[in-house]
Amino acid sequence: MSESVSEAESAGSAEIAGRAESPAEPHAPSEPAYEPAAPAPLNLPRTPTGDAEVDARLARLADADHLATDGHVEVYEDVHRGLRDALTALDGRPGPPVPSPSYEQSRS
């Protein structure tokens, strides 16, 4: 007899639990939509290098301070391209003259 009572109690408990687990009202308020924080400057110091072209490219980084994160990539790629071009231009400039081999031999 105790088995049949416990089975009936179990069935009743499961039914009550099922009602408790069912969703509340269908018109329950939904979670608020995610809104990212507004752009804010990082206020990182930019030390001048003495090269006007490089300094201009580094100053361009400040443009990212006023953009949403997805806009940073364009600024960073532009700055990177400009710095790479400035370094490439250094390869094309003539450097100091290389000592002639006769100079090195005469010193020995």
N, C-alpha and C. Protein backbone atom coordinates (compact mmCIF):
# COMPACT_ATOMS: atom_id res chain seq x y z
N MET A 1 0.80 -1.17 0.00
CA MET A 1 0.00 0.00 0.00
C MET A 1 0.86 1.26 0.00
N SER A 2 1.96 1.26 0.70
CA SER A 2 2.81 2.42 0.73
C SER A 2 3.42 2.71 -0.63
N GLU A 3 3.61 1.63 -1.44
CA GLU A 3 4.14 1.85 -2.78
C GLU A 3 3.16 2.63 -3.64
N SER A 4 1.89 2.27 -3.58
CA SER A 4 0.91 2.96 -4.41
C SER A 4 0.73 4.41 -3.95
N VAL A 5 0.84 4.63 -2.66
CA VAL A 5 0.70 5.99 -2.16
C VAL A 5 1.91 6.83 -2.61
N SER A 6 3.09 6.26 -2.51
CA SER A 6 4.27 7.02 -2.90
C SER A 6 4.27 7.28 -4.40
N GLU A 7 3.75 6.34 -5.20
CA GLU A 7 3.66 6.58 -6.64
C GLU A 7 2.69 7.71 -6.94
N ALA A 8 1.58 7.72 -6.24
CA ALA A 8 0.59 8.77 -6.44
C ALA A 8 1.16 10.11 -5.99
N GLU A 9 1.86 10.10 -4.87
CA GLU A 9 2.47 11.33 -4.39
C GLU A 9 3.52 11.82 -5.38
N SER A 10 4.29 10.85 -5.93
CA SER A 10 5.32 11.21 -6.90
C SER A 10 4.69 11.82 -8.14
N ALA A 11 3.61 11.25 -8.61
CA ALA A 11 2.95 11.77 -9.81
C ALA A 11 2.41 13.18 -9.53
N GLY A 12 1.83 13.37 -8.35
CA GLY A 12 1.29 14.68 -8.00
C GLY A 12 2.41 15.70 -7.84
N SER A 13 3.52 15.28 -7.25
CA SER A 13 4.66 16.18 -7.08
C SER A 13 5.25 16.58 -8.41
N ALA A 14 5.34 15.63 -9.33
CA ALA A 14 5.88 15.93 -10.65
C ALA A 14 4.99 16.91 -11.39
N GLU A 15 3.66 16.74 -11.21
CA GLU A 15 2.73 17.64 -11.88
C GLU A 15 2.87 19.06 -11.32
N ILE A 16 3.00 19.17 -10.02
CA ILE A 16 3.16 20.49 -9.39
C ILE A 16 4.49 21.09 -9.81
N ALA A 17 5.54 20.29 -9.84
CA ALA A 17 6.85 20.80 -10.26
C ALA A 17 6.80 21.26 -11.70
N GLY A 18 6.07 20.54 -12.56
CA GLY A 18 5.94 20.93 -13.96
C GLY A 18 5.29 22.29 -14.10
N ARG A 19 4.30 22.56 -13.26
CA ARG A 19 3.65 23.86 -13.31
C ARG A 19 4.58 24.96 -12.82
N ALA A 20 5.40 24.66 -11.82
CA ALA A 20 6.31 25.66 -11.28
C ALA A 20 7.42 25.99 -12.28
N GLU A 21 7.80 25.01 -13.12
CA GLU A 21 8.86 25.23 -14.09
C GLU A 21 8.36 25.84 -15.39
N SER A 22 7.07 25.88 -15.59
CA SER A 22 6.55 26.45 -16.84
C SER A 22 6.83 27.94 -16.86
N PRO A 23 6.96 28.49 -18.04
CA PRO A 23 7.28 29.92 -18.12
C PRO A 23 6.22 30.76 -17.44
N ALA A 24 6.64 31.84 -16.88
CA ALA A 24 5.72 32.73 -16.18
C ALA A 24 4.73 33.30 -17.18
N GLU A 25 4.55 34.54 -17.18
CA GLU A 25 3.60 35.15 -18.10
C GLU A 25 4.25 35.32 -19.47
N PRO A 26 3.47 35.16 -20.54
CA PRO A 26 4.05 35.34 -21.86
C PRO A 26 4.46 36.79 -22.14
N HIS A 27 3.98 37.72 -21.37
CA HIS A 27 4.29 39.14 -21.58
C HIS A 27 5.33 39.65 -20.58
N ALA A 28 6.18 38.75 -20.12
CA ALA A 28 7.22 39.16 -19.16
C ALA A 28 8.17 40.13 -19.85
N PRO A 29 8.68 41.13 -19.13
CA PRO A 29 9.60 42.11 -19.76
C PRO A 29 10.89 41.42 -20.20
N SER A 30 11.33 41.75 -21.39
CA SER A 30 12.57 41.15 -21.90
C SER A 30 13.76 41.93 -21.36
N GLU A 31 14.94 41.33 -21.48
CA GLU A 31 16.15 41.99 -21.00
C GLU A 31 16.44 43.20 -21.89
N PRO A 32 17.01 44.25 -21.33
CA PRO A 32 17.31 45.43 -22.15
C PRO A 32 18.37 45.09 -23.20
N ALA A 33 18.29 45.75 -24.32
CA ALA A 33 19.25 45.50 -25.41
C ALA A 33 20.63 45.98 -24.98
N TYR A 34 21.66 45.29 -25.46
CA TYR A 34 23.04 45.64 -25.13
C TYR A 34 23.44 46.89 -25.88
N GLU A 35 23.97 47.86 -25.18
CA GLU A 35 24.47 49.08 -25.80
C GLU A 35 25.90 49.29 -25.35
N PRO A 36 26.84 49.29 -26.31
CA PRO A 36 28.25 49.48 -25.92
C PRO A 36 28.48 50.89 -25.39
N ALA A 37 29.56 51.03 -24.66
CA ALA A 37 29.92 52.35 -24.13
C ALA A 37 30.28 53.29 -25.27
N ALA A 38 30.07 54.53 -25.06
CA ALA A 38 30.40 55.54 -26.08
C ALA A 38 31.91 55.65 -26.22
N PRO A 39 32.40 56.05 -27.39
CA PRO A 39 33.84 56.22 -27.57
C PRO A 39 34.39 57.24 -26.57
N ALA A 40 35.58 56.96 -26.10
CA ALA A 40 36.23 57.88 -25.15
C ALA A 40 37.71 57.92 -25.46
N PRO A 41 38.33 59.09 -25.37
CA PRO A 41 39.76 59.19 -25.64
C PRO A 41 40.57 58.41 -24.60
N LEU A 42 41.65 57.80 -25.06
CA LEU A 42 42.53 57.07 -24.15
C LEU A 42 43.53 57.99 -23.46
N ASN A 43 43.70 59.18 -24.02
CA ASN A 43 44.62 60.18 -23.45
C ASN A 43 46.04 59.63 -23.28
N LEU A 44 46.50 58.89 -24.26
CA LEU A 44 47.87 58.39 -24.23
C LEU A 44 48.80 59.46 -24.78
N PRO A 45 49.91 59.68 -24.12
CA PRO A 45 50.85 60.70 -24.62
C PRO A 45 51.52 60.25 -25.92
N ARG A 46 51.70 61.17 -26.82
CA ARG A 46 52.39 60.89 -28.08
C ARG A 46 53.61 61.78 -28.14
N THR A 47 54.76 61.20 -27.96
CA THR A 47 56.01 61.95 -27.95
C THR A 47 56.47 62.21 -29.37
N PRO A 48 56.74 63.47 -29.72
CA PRO A 48 57.20 63.77 -31.08
C PRO A 48 58.52 63.05 -31.37
N THR A 49 58.64 62.59 -32.61
CA THR A 49 59.84 61.87 -33.02
C THR A 49 60.86 62.79 -33.69
N GLY A 50 60.41 63.94 -34.15
CA GLY A 50 61.29 64.84 -34.88
C GLY A 50 61.16 64.68 -36.39
N ASP A 51 60.49 63.65 -36.83
CA ASP A 51 60.23 63.43 -38.25
C ASP A 51 58.78 63.84 -38.50
N ALA A 52 58.58 64.87 -39.31
CA ALA A 52 57.25 65.43 -39.52
C ALA A 52 56.26 64.40 -40.07
N GLU A 53 56.71 63.55 -40.99
CA GLU A 53 55.82 62.55 -41.57
C GLU A 53 55.38 61.52 -40.53
N VAL A 54 56.31 61.05 -39.74
CA VAL A 54 56.00 60.06 -38.70
C VAL A 54 55.11 60.69 -37.63
N ASP A 55 55.42 61.93 -37.23
CA ASP A 55 54.62 62.61 -36.22
C ASP A 55 53.18 62.81 -36.70
N ALA A 56 53.01 63.11 -37.98
CA ALA A 56 51.66 63.28 -38.53
C ALA A 56 50.89 61.96 -38.48
N ARG A 57 51.56 60.87 -38.77
CA ARG A 57 50.89 59.55 -38.71
C ARG A 57 50.51 59.20 -37.29
N LEU A 58 51.40 59.48 -36.34
CA LEU A 58 51.09 59.18 -34.94
C LEU A 58 49.95 60.06 -34.43
N ALA A 59 49.89 61.30 -34.89
CA ALA A 59 48.79 62.20 -34.51
C ALA A 59 47.47 61.67 -35.05
N ARG A 60 47.51 60.98 -36.16
CA ARG A 60 46.29 60.40 -36.76
C ARG A 60 45.66 59.38 -35.84
N LEU A 61 46.44 58.76 -34.95
CA LEU A 61 45.89 57.79 -34.01
C LEU A 61 44.81 58.42 -33.12
N ALA A 62 44.88 59.71 -32.90
CA ALA A 62 43.88 60.39 -32.08
C ALA A 62 42.49 60.30 -32.72
N ASP A 63 42.42 60.10 -34.02
CA ASP A 63 41.12 59.96 -34.69
C ASP A 63 40.35 58.76 -34.17
N ALA A 64 41.06 57.74 -33.72
CA ALA A 64 40.39 56.53 -33.21
C ALA A 64 39.69 56.80 -31.88
N ASP A 65 40.11 57.84 -31.18
CA ASP A 65 39.50 58.16 -29.88
C ASP A 65 38.03 58.51 -29.99
N HIS A 66 37.59 58.96 -31.16
CA HIS A 66 36.22 59.43 -31.32
C HIS A 66 35.37 58.47 -32.13
N LEU A 67 35.90 57.27 -32.39
CA LEU A 67 35.18 56.29 -33.19
C LEU A 67 34.79 55.10 -32.34
N ALA A 68 33.73 54.41 -32.75
CA ALA A 68 33.39 53.14 -32.12
C ALA A 68 34.50 52.14 -32.45
N THR A 69 34.57 51.09 -31.69
CA THR A 69 35.66 50.12 -31.83
C THR A 69 35.79 49.59 -33.24
N ASP A 70 34.68 49.34 -33.93
CA ASP A 70 34.78 48.80 -35.29
C ASP A 70 35.39 49.80 -36.27
N GLY A 71 35.48 51.07 -35.92
CA GLY A 71 36.11 52.06 -36.77
C GLY A 71 37.61 52.20 -36.54
N HIS A 72 38.11 51.59 -35.48
CA HIS A 72 39.54 51.69 -35.16
C HIS A 72 40.41 51.02 -36.22
N VAL A 73 39.94 49.93 -36.77
CA VAL A 73 40.75 49.16 -37.72
C VAL A 73 41.18 50.03 -38.89
N GLU A 74 40.26 50.81 -39.42
CA GLU A 74 40.58 51.67 -40.57
C GLU A 74 41.69 52.66 -40.22
N VAL A 75 41.59 53.27 -39.03
CA VAL A 75 42.61 54.24 -38.61
C VAL A 75 43.95 53.54 -38.41
N TYR A 76 43.94 52.41 -37.71
CA TYR A 76 45.19 51.69 -37.44
C TYR A 76 45.86 51.23 -38.73
N GLU A 77 45.06 50.74 -39.68
CA GLU A 77 45.64 50.30 -40.96
C GLU A 77 46.23 51.48 -41.72
N ASP A 78 45.56 52.62 -41.69
CA ASP A 78 46.06 53.81 -42.37
C ASP A 78 47.39 54.26 -41.75
N VAL A 79 47.45 54.29 -40.42
CA VAL A 79 48.68 54.70 -39.73
C VAL A 79 49.79 53.70 -40.03
N HIS A 80 49.48 52.44 -39.97
CA HIS A 80 50.49 51.40 -40.25
C HIS A 80 51.03 51.53 -41.66
N ARG A 81 50.13 51.75 -42.61
CA ARG A 81 50.54 51.92 -44.01
C ARG A 81 51.48 53.12 -44.15
N GLY A 82 51.13 54.23 -43.51
CA GLY A 82 51.95 55.43 -43.59
C GLY A 82 53.32 55.25 -42.94
N LEU A 83 53.35 54.58 -41.78
CA LEU A 83 54.64 54.33 -41.13
C LEU A 83 55.51 53.38 -41.95
N ARG A 84 54.87 52.38 -42.54
CA ARG A 84 55.62 51.43 -43.39
C ARG A 84 56.19 52.17 -44.60
N ASP A 85 55.40 53.06 -45.20
CA ASP A 85 55.90 53.84 -46.34
C ASP A 85 57.07 54.74 -45.94
N ALA A 86 56.99 55.32 -44.74
CA ALA A 86 58.09 56.17 -44.26
C ALA A 86 59.36 55.35 -44.06
N LEU A 87 59.23 54.15 -43.53
CA LEU A 87 60.41 53.28 -43.36
C LEU A 87 60.98 52.84 -44.70
N THR A 88 60.10 52.54 -45.64
CA THR A 88 60.55 52.13 -46.97
C THR A 88 61.29 53.28 -47.65
N ALA A 89 60.82 54.50 -47.44
CA ALA A 89 61.49 55.67 -48.04
C ALA A 89 62.90 55.83 -47.48
N LEU A 90 63.11 55.44 -46.24
CA LEU A 90 64.45 55.54 -45.66
C LEU A 90 65.44 54.64 -46.40
N ASP A 91 64.96 53.52 -46.91
CA ASP A 91 65.83 52.61 -47.67
C ASP A 91 66.30 53.22 -48.97
N GLY A 92 65.51 54.14 -49.52
CA GLY A 92 65.86 54.75 -50.80
C GLY A 92 66.78 55.94 -50.68
N ARG A 93 66.93 56.48 -49.49
CA ARG A 93 67.79 57.65 -49.30
C ARG A 93 69.25 57.22 -49.25
N PRO A 94 70.11 58.02 -49.84
CA PRO A 94 71.53 57.65 -49.75
C PRO A 94 72.04 57.86 -48.33
N GLY A 95 72.81 56.92 -47.87
CA GLY A 95 73.38 57.01 -46.54
C GLY A 95 74.77 57.62 -46.59
N PRO A 96 75.50 57.56 -45.51
CA PRO A 96 76.86 58.09 -45.51
C PRO A 96 77.72 57.27 -46.46
N PRO A 97 78.73 57.87 -47.02
CA PRO A 97 79.57 57.13 -47.96
C PRO A 97 80.30 55.99 -47.25
N VAL A 98 80.43 54.92 -47.99
CA VAL A 98 81.13 53.75 -47.47
C VAL A 98 82.62 53.95 -47.72
N PRO A 99 83.46 53.70 -46.70
CA PRO A 99 84.90 53.87 -46.92
C PRO A 99 85.39 52.94 -48.03
N SER A 100 86.30 53.43 -48.81
CA SER A 100 86.83 52.61 -49.90
C SER A 100 87.74 51.52 -49.33
N PRO A 101 87.85 50.41 -50.03
CA PRO A 101 88.70 49.32 -49.53
C PRO A 101 90.16 49.76 -49.36
N SER A 102 90.63 50.68 -50.18
CA SER A 102 92.02 51.11 -50.05
C SER A 102 92.25 51.84 -48.73
N TYR A 103 91.22 52.53 -48.22
CA TYR A 103 91.33 53.21 -46.95
C TYR A 103 91.53 52.20 -45.82
N GLU A 104 90.75 51.13 -45.85
CA GLU A 104 90.85 50.10 -44.83
C GLU A 104 92.22 49.42 -44.87
N GLN A 105 92.74 49.17 -46.07
CA GLN A 105 94.03 48.48 -46.19
C GLN A 105 95.17 49.37 -45.72
N SER A 106 95.10 50.67 -45.95
CA SER A 106 96.17 51.56 -45.55
C SER A 106 96.25 51.73 -44.03
N ARG A 107 95.15 51.49 -43.34
CA ARG A 107 95.14 51.63 -41.89
C ARG A 107 95.74 50.41 -41.21
N SER A 108 95.81 49.28 -41.90
CA SER A 108 96.30 48.05 -41.28
C SER A 108 97.76 48.04 -41.07
